[in-house]
Every structure is written in structure tokens, then in C-alpha cells.
Amino acid sequence: MKAIGYARVSTEEQATEGLSLAAQQQRIRAYCKAHGLKLVGLEVDEGVSASKPLAKRPAGAKLLGSLQSGQAVVAVKLDRLFRDAGDCLATVKAWNERDVALHLLDLGGSAFNSASAMGRFFMTIMAGSAELERNLVSERTKTALTYKRSQGERLGAAPFGFRWSAGQLVKHESEQAAIASIKRDRKARHLSVRELAVKYAIPKSTLHAVLRRGNGVFKG
């Protein structure tokens, strides 16, 4: 049977987790070799969130466009492919109707494929469990942020020219000096925001915020 592999990692996962694209691709190749699957393609989405449907991802769209009846899709985990249980079950049902089997290398600690009735049943349970876990994490995060706000903690990134210290904004010396230079250039040389962005290597959105502050002091 011919197979197409799929690997994905989000920007956050690249920085914090060990599920790298290289590791996923290596496992997919090894699985196909061990199970007699001919790997004819391996699509990779780098820095793409799981919240995007498979068809809206660059490599995901290529996978769906090249997939043929009688082939297999191979991925390391369920959450590499799908955003929630509904998305998973609807897609796999459509694949089953085309005789396309889904092979997952790490579902509940073991590999499985959707070609059998037991495999599809087990996948349904795991898809629901994965969605439940994501929802619980989201609820815990919202609860923690609500508590922090109730305690008067400031959340989010500090504006350019400042840093957070013990819950308070304090001036950042070098960035404050840059702000002063930016304002002098803006007033004396009449430089545009685009010209200032190029000269100081600062995003235009940041410069707009700096210029709106007037004297450079953060108003809140």
C-alpha cells in the first residue's frame, strides 16, 4: 500500500516541546518501512497551529489534494492532523469511504490504523479524550488569568521602552534612549514612520505606539 506521511509543529511547540519535525518524519519513515508501506510523500507544516483545519494548512492542503483511493495517511499523533474530535471523525469517515486508512503511531501508547472497526472505535474514544484535555487546559488557563487580574497583576508584553518588574512598569534605559532619538528625528528631520522603522529596525506598529505616547511615558 502507498502512504503519505504528515508532520506538523506549531511555533510554540518548536520552542517548548520535543516533538520536532525531524523526529516526526523519522518515526513516520521507520513505521512505513516496518509495516510494508511505500512512502510516496511526506507533507510538513512548520509553525502552523492545530486550530487551523487540515485543508487550510499549506502542507495539509497538498496532502488532501494528492491523496488517492486505496492509500494510507501516516502521522505520529491525532493532534498533528486534526483540530478537534468533530474534525477528526468527519475527515476519517470521508477517507474510509474512499478506502483510505489512517495510521497513527502514538495513539494511547501504541500504533493503530482505521482500517478495522476496532481501530475506528478506539480512535473515536481517543479523539474525544484529546478534545476534552484541550478544553480543560483552556479552562485552567482562563481561571489563572482571571485570578492574576483580580490581584492587580498586569498581563501581556511590556511596551517598547519598558520592562515589567514586580508587577510594575519600569523604564528600559537603552530603549528609552532610542525613543528620544526617534522623536528628535521625527521632529527635526521630518522622517516618516517607514523611514524611522528602517533606520532603527523597529516594527512600524511599535513606532506608532511610541509616537502616540507623547513624552514617552506609558499612560496605561
C-alpha atoms as a PDB file:
ATOM      1  CA  MET A   1       0.000   0.000   0.000  1.00  0.00           C
ATOM      2  CA  LYS A   2       1.194   3.511  -0.830  1.00  0.00           C
ATOM      3  CA  ALA A   3       1.241   6.036   2.004  1.00  0.00           C
ATOM      4  CA  ILE A   4       1.597   9.778   2.502  1.00  0.00           C
ATOM      5  CA  GLY A   5       3.100  10.996   5.762  1.00  0.00           C
ATOM      6  CA  TYR A   6       2.140  14.197   7.540  1.00  0.00           C
ATOM      7  CA  ALA A   7       4.021  16.131  10.237  1.00  0.00           C
ATOM      8  CA  ARG A   8       3.158  19.419  11.935  1.00  0.00           C
ATOM      9  CA  VAL A   9       4.501  21.592  14.692  1.00  0.00           C
ATOM     10  CA  SER A  10       3.277  24.977  15.926  1.00  0.00           C
ATOM     11  CA  THR A  11       5.514  27.950  16.671  1.00  0.00           C
ATOM     12  CA  GLU A  12       5.055  27.460  20.425  1.00  0.00           C
ATOM     13  CA  GLU A  13       5.834  23.741  20.223  1.00  0.00           C
ATOM     14  CA  GLN A  14       9.047  24.427  18.330  1.00  0.00           C
ATOM     15  CA  ALA A  15      10.241  26.487  21.283  1.00  0.00           C
ATOM     16  CA  THR A  16       8.941  24.411  24.206  1.00  0.00           C
ATOM     17  CA  GLU A  17       8.437  20.780  23.210  1.00  0.00           C
ATOM     18  CA  GLY A  18      10.489  17.900  21.909  1.00  0.00           C
ATOM     19  CA  LEU A  19       8.056  16.789  19.194  1.00  0.00           C
ATOM     20  CA  SER A  20      10.232  18.190  16.421  1.00  0.00           C
ATOM     21  CA  LEU A  21       9.524  17.901  12.732  1.00  0.00           C
ATOM     22  CA  ALA A  22      12.687  15.853  12.230  1.00  0.00           C
ATOM     23  CA  ALA A  23      11.634  13.374  14.913  1.00  0.00           C
ATOM     24  CA  GLN A  24       8.143  13.035  13.436  1.00  0.00           C
ATOM     25  CA  GLN A  25       9.490  12.441   9.933  1.00  0.00           C
ATOM     26  CA  GLN A  26      11.979   9.864  11.182  1.00  0.00           C
ATOM     27  CA  ARG A  27       9.267   7.934  13.016  1.00  0.00           C
ATOM     28  CA  ILE A  28       6.936   8.030  10.004  1.00  0.00           C
ATOM     29  CA  ARG A  29       9.637   6.671   7.687  1.00  0.00           C
ATOM     30  CA  ALA A  30      10.582   3.926  10.148  1.00  0.00           C
ATOM     31  CA  TYR A  31       6.929   2.912  10.622  1.00  0.00           C
ATOM     32  CA  CYS A  32       6.269   2.688   6.891  1.00  0.00           C
ATOM     33  CA  LYS A  33       9.384   0.594   6.351  1.00  0.00           C
ATOM     34  CA  ALA A  34       8.487  -1.761   9.203  1.00  0.00           C
ATOM     35  CA  HIS A  35       4.885  -2.222   8.030  1.00  0.00           C
ATOM     36  CA  GLY A  36       5.474  -2.601   4.312  1.00  0.00           C
ATOM     37  CA  LEU A  37       4.027   0.779   3.331  1.00  0.00           C
ATOM     38  CA  LYS A  38       5.561   2.594   0.361  1.00  0.00           C
ATOM     39  CA  LEU A  39       6.007   6.218   1.426  1.00  0.00           C
ATOM     40  CA  VAL A  40       5.299   8.267  -1.713  1.00  0.00           C
ATOM     41  CA  GLY A  41       5.103  11.657   0.000  1.00  0.00           C
ATOM     42  CA  LEU A  42       5.742  13.386   3.317  1.00  0.00           C
ATOM     43  CA  GLU A  43       3.990  16.711   3.837  1.00  0.00           C
ATOM     44  CA  VAL A  44       5.267  19.049   6.554  1.00  0.00           C
ATOM     45  CA  ASP A  45       3.578  22.099   8.145  1.00  0.00           C
ATOM     46  CA  GLU A  46       6.032  24.150  10.190  1.00  0.00           C
ATOM     47  CA  GLY A  47       4.796  26.813  12.600  1.00  0.00           C
ATOM     48  CA  VAL A  48       1.122  26.029  11.942  1.00  0.00           C
ATOM     49  CA  SER A  49      -1.435  25.936  14.754  1.00  0.00           C
ATOM     50  CA  ALA A  50      -3.700  22.933  15.294  1.00  0.00           C
ATOM     51  CA  SER A  51      -6.640  25.358  15.309  1.00  0.00           C
ATOM     52  CA  LYS A  52      -6.430  25.526  11.500  1.00  0.00           C
ATOM     53  CA  PRO A  53      -8.356  22.813   9.632  1.00  0.00           C
ATOM     54  CA  LEU A  54      -6.163  20.451   7.640  1.00  0.00           C
ATOM     55  CA  ALA A  55      -7.432  21.872   4.330  1.00  0.00           C
ATOM     56  CA  LYS A  56      -6.396  25.415   5.372  1.00  0.00           C
ATOM     57  CA  ARG A  57      -2.773  24.465   6.075  1.00  0.00           C
ATOM     58  CA  PRO A  58      -0.245  24.631   3.184  1.00  0.00           C
ATOM     59  CA  ALA A  59       1.025  21.057   3.529  1.00  0.00           C
ATOM     60  CA  GLY A  60      -2.351  19.796   4.710  1.00  0.00           C
ATOM     61  CA  ALA A  61      -3.984  21.048   1.522  1.00  0.00           C
ATOM     62  CA  LYS A  62      -1.278  19.313  -0.554  1.00  0.00           C
ATOM     63  CA  LEU A  63      -1.909  16.082   1.345  1.00  0.00           C
ATOM     64  CA  LEU A  64      -5.639  16.183   0.677  1.00  0.00           C
ATOM     65  CA  GLY A  65      -5.101  17.140  -2.948  1.00  0.00           C
ATOM     66  CA  SER A  66      -2.713  14.287  -3.711  1.00  0.00           C
ATOM     67  CA  LEU A  67      -4.418  11.558  -1.649  1.00  0.00           C
ATOM     68  CA  GLN A  68      -5.859   8.727  -3.756  1.00  0.00           C
ATOM     69  CA  SER A  69      -8.221   5.866  -3.019  1.00  0.00           C
ATOM     70  CA  GLY A  70      -6.530   2.841  -1.524  1.00  0.00           C
ATOM     71  CA  GLN A  71      -3.686   4.851   0.002  1.00  0.00           C
ATOM     72  CA  ALA A  72      -2.840   5.469   3.662  1.00  0.00           C
ATOM     73  CA  VAL A  73      -2.159   8.585   5.714  1.00  0.00           C
ATOM     74  CA  VAL A  74       0.531   8.239   8.391  1.00  0.00           C
ATOM     75  CA  ALA A  75       1.056  10.675  11.283  1.00  0.00           C
ATOM     76  CA  VAL A  76       2.609  10.450  14.730  1.00  0.00           C
ATOM     77  CA  LYS A  77      -0.349  11.705  16.761  1.00  0.00           C
ATOM     78  CA  LEU A  78      -4.001  12.569  16.306  1.00  0.00           C
ATOM     79  CA  ASP A  79      -3.440  16.245  17.170  1.00  0.00           C
ATOM     80  CA  ARG A  80      -0.889  16.613  14.359  1.00  0.00           C
ATOM     81  CA  LEU A  81      -3.733  16.290  11.842  1.00  0.00           C
ATOM     82  CA  PHE A  82      -6.970  17.472  13.435  1.00  0.00           C
ATOM     83  CA  ARG A  83      -8.178  20.447  15.472  1.00  0.00           C
ATOM     84  CA  ASP A  84     -10.975  18.683  17.379  1.00  0.00           C
ATOM     85  CA  ALA A  85     -12.973  15.451  17.609  1.00  0.00           C
ATOM     86  CA  GLY A  86     -15.604  16.565  15.076  1.00  0.00           C
ATOM     87  CA  ASP A  87     -12.965  17.497  12.510  1.00  0.00           C
ATOM     88  CA  CYS A  88     -11.200  14.175  13.058  1.00  0.00           C
ATOM     89  CA  LEU A  89     -14.251  11.927  12.814  1.00  0.00           C
ATOM     90  CA  ALA A  90     -15.714  13.692   9.763  1.00  0.00           C
ATOM     91  CA  THR A  91     -12.411  13.547   7.865  1.00  0.00           C
ATOM     92  CA  VAL A  92     -11.697   9.918   8.729  1.00  0.00           C
ATOM     93  CA  LYS A  93     -15.236   8.920   7.762  1.00  0.00           C
ATOM     94  CA  ALA A  94     -14.733  10.534   4.345  1.00  0.00           C
ATOM     95  CA  TRP A  95     -11.387   8.757   3.998  1.00  0.00           C
ATOM     96  CA  ASN A  96     -12.922   5.407   4.914  1.00  0.00           C
ATOM     97  CA  GLU A  97     -15.484   5.840   2.146  1.00  0.00           C
ATOM     98  CA  ARG A  98     -12.562   6.236  -0.282  1.00  0.00           C
ATOM     99  CA  ASP A  99     -10.742   3.229   1.193  1.00  0.00           C
ATOM    100  CA  VAL A 100      -8.085   5.486   2.720  1.00  0.00           C
ATOM    101  CA  ALA A 101      -6.698   4.198   6.024  1.00  0.00           C
ATOM    102  CA  LEU A 102      -5.290   6.460   8.741  1.00  0.00           C
ATOM    103  CA  HIS A 103      -2.239   5.146  10.602  1.00  0.00           C
ATOM    104  CA  LEU A 104      -1.291   6.820  13.879  1.00  0.00           C
ATOM    105  CA  LEU A 105       1.985   5.892  15.534  1.00  0.00           C
ATOM    106  CA  ASP A 106       1.207   7.021  19.066  1.00  0.00           C
ATOM    107  CA  LEU A 107      -2.451   6.712  19.978  1.00  0.00           C
ATOM    108  CA  GLY A 108      -2.794   5.741  23.610  1.00  0.00           C
ATOM    109  CA  GLY A 109       0.795   4.477  23.637  1.00  0.00           C
ATOM    110  CA  SER A 110       0.568   2.149  20.630  1.00  0.00           C
ATOM    111  CA  ALA A 111       0.198   2.335  16.857  1.00  0.00           C
ATOM    112  CA  PHE A 112      -3.133   1.707  15.135  1.00  0.00           C
ATOM    113  CA  ASN A 113      -4.921   2.228  11.845  1.00  0.00           C
ATOM    114  CA  SER A 114      -8.518   2.989  10.946  1.00  0.00           C
ATOM    115  CA  ALA A 115      -8.910   0.117   8.505  1.00  0.00           C
ATOM    116  CA  SER A 116     -10.595  -2.066  11.144  1.00  0.00           C
ATOM    117  CA  ALA A 117     -13.834  -1.498  13.063  1.00  0.00           C
ATOM    118  CA  MET A 118     -11.952  -1.770  16.367  1.00  0.00           C
ATOM    119  CA  GLY A 119      -9.430   0.785  15.184  1.00  0.00           C
ATOM    120  CA  ARG A 120     -12.159   3.270  14.260  1.00  0.00           C
ATOM    121  CA  PHE A 121     -13.892   2.724  17.609  1.00  0.00           C
ATOM    122  CA  PHE A 122     -10.683   3.280  19.560  1.00  0.00           C
ATOM    123  CA  MET A 123      -9.915   6.406  17.535  1.00  0.00           C
ATOM    124  CA  THR A 124     -13.367   7.844  18.331  1.00  0.00           C
ATOM    125  CA  ILE A 125     -12.690   7.468  22.044  1.00  0.00           C
ATOM    126  CA  MET A 126      -9.213   8.993  21.823  1.00  0.00           C
ATOM    127  CA  ALA A 127     -10.406  11.906  19.665  1.00  0.00           C
ATOM    128  CA  GLY A 128     -12.988  12.801  22.308  1.00  0.00           C
ATOM    129  CA  SER A 129     -10.403  12.459  25.073  1.00  0.00           C
ATOM    130  CA  ALA A 130      -7.933  14.720  23.240  1.00  0.00           C
ATOM    131  CA  GLU A 131     -10.576  17.417  22.762  1.00  0.00           C
ATOM    132  CA  LEU A 132     -11.579  17.172  26.432  1.00  0.00           C
ATOM    133  CA  GLU A 133      -7.969  17.658  27.517  1.00  0.00           C
ATOM    134  CA  ARG A 134      -7.554  20.730  25.285  1.00  0.00           C
ATOM    135  CA  ASN A 135     -10.750  22.236  26.701  1.00  0.00           C
ATOM    136  CA  LEU A 136      -9.632  21.566  30.287  1.00  0.00           C
ATOM    137  CA  VAL A 137      -6.278  23.238  29.635  1.00  0.00           C
ATOM    138  CA  SER A 138      -8.096  26.248  28.161  1.00  0.00           C
ATOM    139  CA  GLU A 139     -10.373  26.487  31.213  1.00  0.00           C
ATOM    140  CA  ARG A 140      -7.432  26.274  33.622  1.00  0.00           C
ATOM    141  CA  THR A 141      -5.588  28.989  31.721  1.00  0.00           C
ATOM    142  CA  LYS A 142      -8.598  31.333  31.772  1.00  0.00           C
ATOM    143  CA  THR A 143      -9.082  30.726  35.511  1.00  0.00           C
ATOM    144  CA  ALA A 144      -5.422  31.515  36.226  1.00  0.00           C
ATOM    145  CA  LEU A 145      -5.516  34.720  34.157  1.00  0.00           C
ATOM    146  CA  THR A 146      -8.734  35.861  35.851  1.00  0.00           C
ATOM    147  CA  TYR A 147      -7.128  35.350  39.267  1.00  0.00           C
ATOM    148  CA  LYS A 148      -3.999  37.277  38.258  1.00  0.00           C
ATOM    149  CA  ARG A 149      -6.124  40.192  37.038  1.00  0.00           C
ATOM    150  CA  SER A 150      -8.112  40.158  40.291  1.00  0.00           C
ATOM    151  CA  GLN A 151      -4.808  40.526  42.187  1.00  0.00           C
ATOM    152  CA  GLY A 152      -3.895  43.583  40.152  1.00  0.00           C
ATOM    153  CA  GLU A 153      -1.205  41.891  38.084  1.00  0.00           C
ATOM    154  CA  ARG A 154      -0.529  43.392  34.671  1.00  0.00           C
ATOM    155  CA  LEU A 155      -0.584  40.844  31.851  1.00  0.00           C
ATOM    156  CA  GLY A 156       0.886  40.902  28.396  1.00  0.00           C
ATOM    157  CA  ALA A 157       4.134  42.177  26.948  1.00  0.00           C
ATOM    158  CA  ALA A 158       5.629  45.448  28.197  1.00  0.00           C
ATOM    159  CA  PRO A 159       5.528  48.325  25.700  1.00  0.00           C
ATOM    160  CA  PHE A 160       8.738  49.344  23.940  1.00  0.00           C
ATOM    161  CA  GLY A 161      10.916  51.321  26.347  1.00  0.00           C
ATOM    162  CA  PHE A 162       9.744  49.481  29.468  1.00  0.00           C
ATOM    163  CA  ARG A 163      10.059  46.188  31.332  1.00  0.00           C
ATOM    164  CA  TRP A 164       7.899  44.527  33.965  1.00  0.00           C
ATOM    165  CA  SER A 165       9.426  44.431  37.454  1.00  0.00           C
ATOM    166  CA  ALA A 166       7.468  43.200  40.488  1.00  0.00           C
ATOM    167  CA  GLY A 167       4.219  43.888  38.665  1.00  0.00           C
ATOM    168  CA  GLN A 168       5.220  47.450  37.761  1.00  0.00           C
ATOM    169  CA  LEU A 169       6.469  49.016  34.541  1.00  0.00           C
ATOM    170  CA  VAL A 170       9.996  50.392  34.795  1.00  0.00           C
ATOM    171  CA  LYS A 171      11.922  52.245  32.103  1.00  0.00           C
ATOM    172  CA  HIS A 172      14.427  50.346  29.984  1.00  0.00           C
ATOM    173  CA  GLU A 173      17.456  52.600  29.607  1.00  0.00           C
ATOM    174  CA  SER A 174      18.640  51.739  26.083  1.00  0.00           C
ATOM    175  CA  GLU A 175      15.120  51.635  24.632  1.00  0.00           C
ATOM    176  CA  GLN A 176      14.267  54.958  26.274  1.00  0.00           C
ATOM    177  CA  ALA A 177      17.367  56.426  24.604  1.00  0.00           C
ATOM    178  CA  ALA A 178      16.153  55.047  21.273  1.00  0.00           C
ATOM    179  CA  ILE A 179      12.736  56.629  21.851  1.00  0.00           C
ATOM    180  CA  ALA A 180      14.378  60.010  22.466  1.00  0.00           C
ATOM    181  CA  SER A 181      16.390  59.685  19.214  1.00  0.00           C
ATOM    182  CA  ILE A 182      13.285  58.648  17.289  1.00  0.00           C
ATOM    183  CA  LYS A 183      11.379  61.691  18.486  1.00  0.00           C
ATOM    184  CA  ARG A 184      14.267  64.020  17.629  1.00  0.00           C
ATOM    185  CA  ASP A 185      14.499  62.586  14.108  1.00  0.00           C
ATOM    186  CA  ARG A 186      10.760  62.817  13.708  1.00  0.00           C
ATOM    187  CA  LYS A 187      10.677  66.484  14.757  1.00  0.00           C
ATOM    188  CA  ALA A 188      13.936  67.844  13.306  1.00  0.00           C
ATOM    189  CA  ARG A 189      14.336  65.771  10.146  1.00  0.00           C
ATOM    190  CA  HIS A 190      10.635  65.077   9.485  1.00  0.00           C
ATOM    191  CA  LEU A 191      11.293  61.387   8.881  1.00  0.00           C
ATOM    192  CA  SER A 192       8.285  59.205   8.110  1.00  0.00           C
ATOM    193  CA  VAL A 193       7.329  56.220  10.204  1.00  0.00           C
ATOM    194  CA  ARG A 194       8.594  53.947   7.421  1.00  0.00           C
ATOM    195  CA  GLU A 195      11.973  55.725   7.348  1.00  0.00           C
ATOM    196  CA  LEU A 196      12.224  55.558  11.133  1.00  0.00           C
ATOM    197  CA  ALA A 197      11.364  51.853  11.092  1.00  0.00           C
ATOM    198  CA  VAL A 198      14.187  51.178   8.633  1.00  0.00           C
ATOM    199  CA  LYS A 199      16.712  53.347  10.482  1.00  0.00           C
ATOM    200  CA  TYR A 200      16.034  51.923  13.955  1.00  0.00           C
ATOM    201  CA  ALA A 201      14.995  48.382  12.873  1.00  0.00           C
ATOM    202  CA  ILE A 202      11.738  48.663  14.804  1.00  0.00           C
ATOM    203  CA  PRO A 203       8.335  47.481  13.516  1.00  0.00           C
ATOM    204  CA  LYS A 204       6.054  50.274  12.304  1.00  0.00           C
ATOM    205  CA  SER A 205       3.316  49.189  14.725  1.00  0.00           C
ATOM    206  CA  THR A 206       5.752  49.693  17.628  1.00  0.00           C
ATOM    207  CA  LEU A 207       6.778  53.103  16.316  1.00  0.00           C
ATOM    208  CA  HIS A 208       3.164  54.230  16.030  1.00  0.00           C
ATOM    209  CA  ALA A 209       2.655  53.268  19.693  1.00  0.00           C
ATOM    210  CA  VAL A 210       5.834  55.113  20.728  1.00  0.00           C
ATOM    211  CA  LEU A 211       4.848  58.284  18.889  1.00  0.00           C
ATOM    212  CA  ARG A 212       1.359  58.230  20.390  1.00  0.00           C
ATOM    213  CA  ARG A 213       2.829  58.352  23.911  1.00  0.00           C
ATOM    214  CA  GLY A 214       3.909  61.986  23.511  1.00  0.00           C
ATOM    215  CA  ASN A 215       6.730  62.321  26.062  1.00  0.00           C
ATOM    216  CA  GLY A 216       7.491  58.598  26.038  1.00  0.00           C
ATOM    217  CA  VAL A 217       5.879  57.855  29.387  1.00  0.00           C
ATOM    218  CA  PHE A 218       3.491  54.906  29.334  1.00  0.00           C
ATOM    219  CA  LYS A 219      -0.027  56.070  30.166  1.00  0.00           C
ATOM    220  CA  GLY A 220      -1.554  52.624  30.828  1.00  0.00           C
END
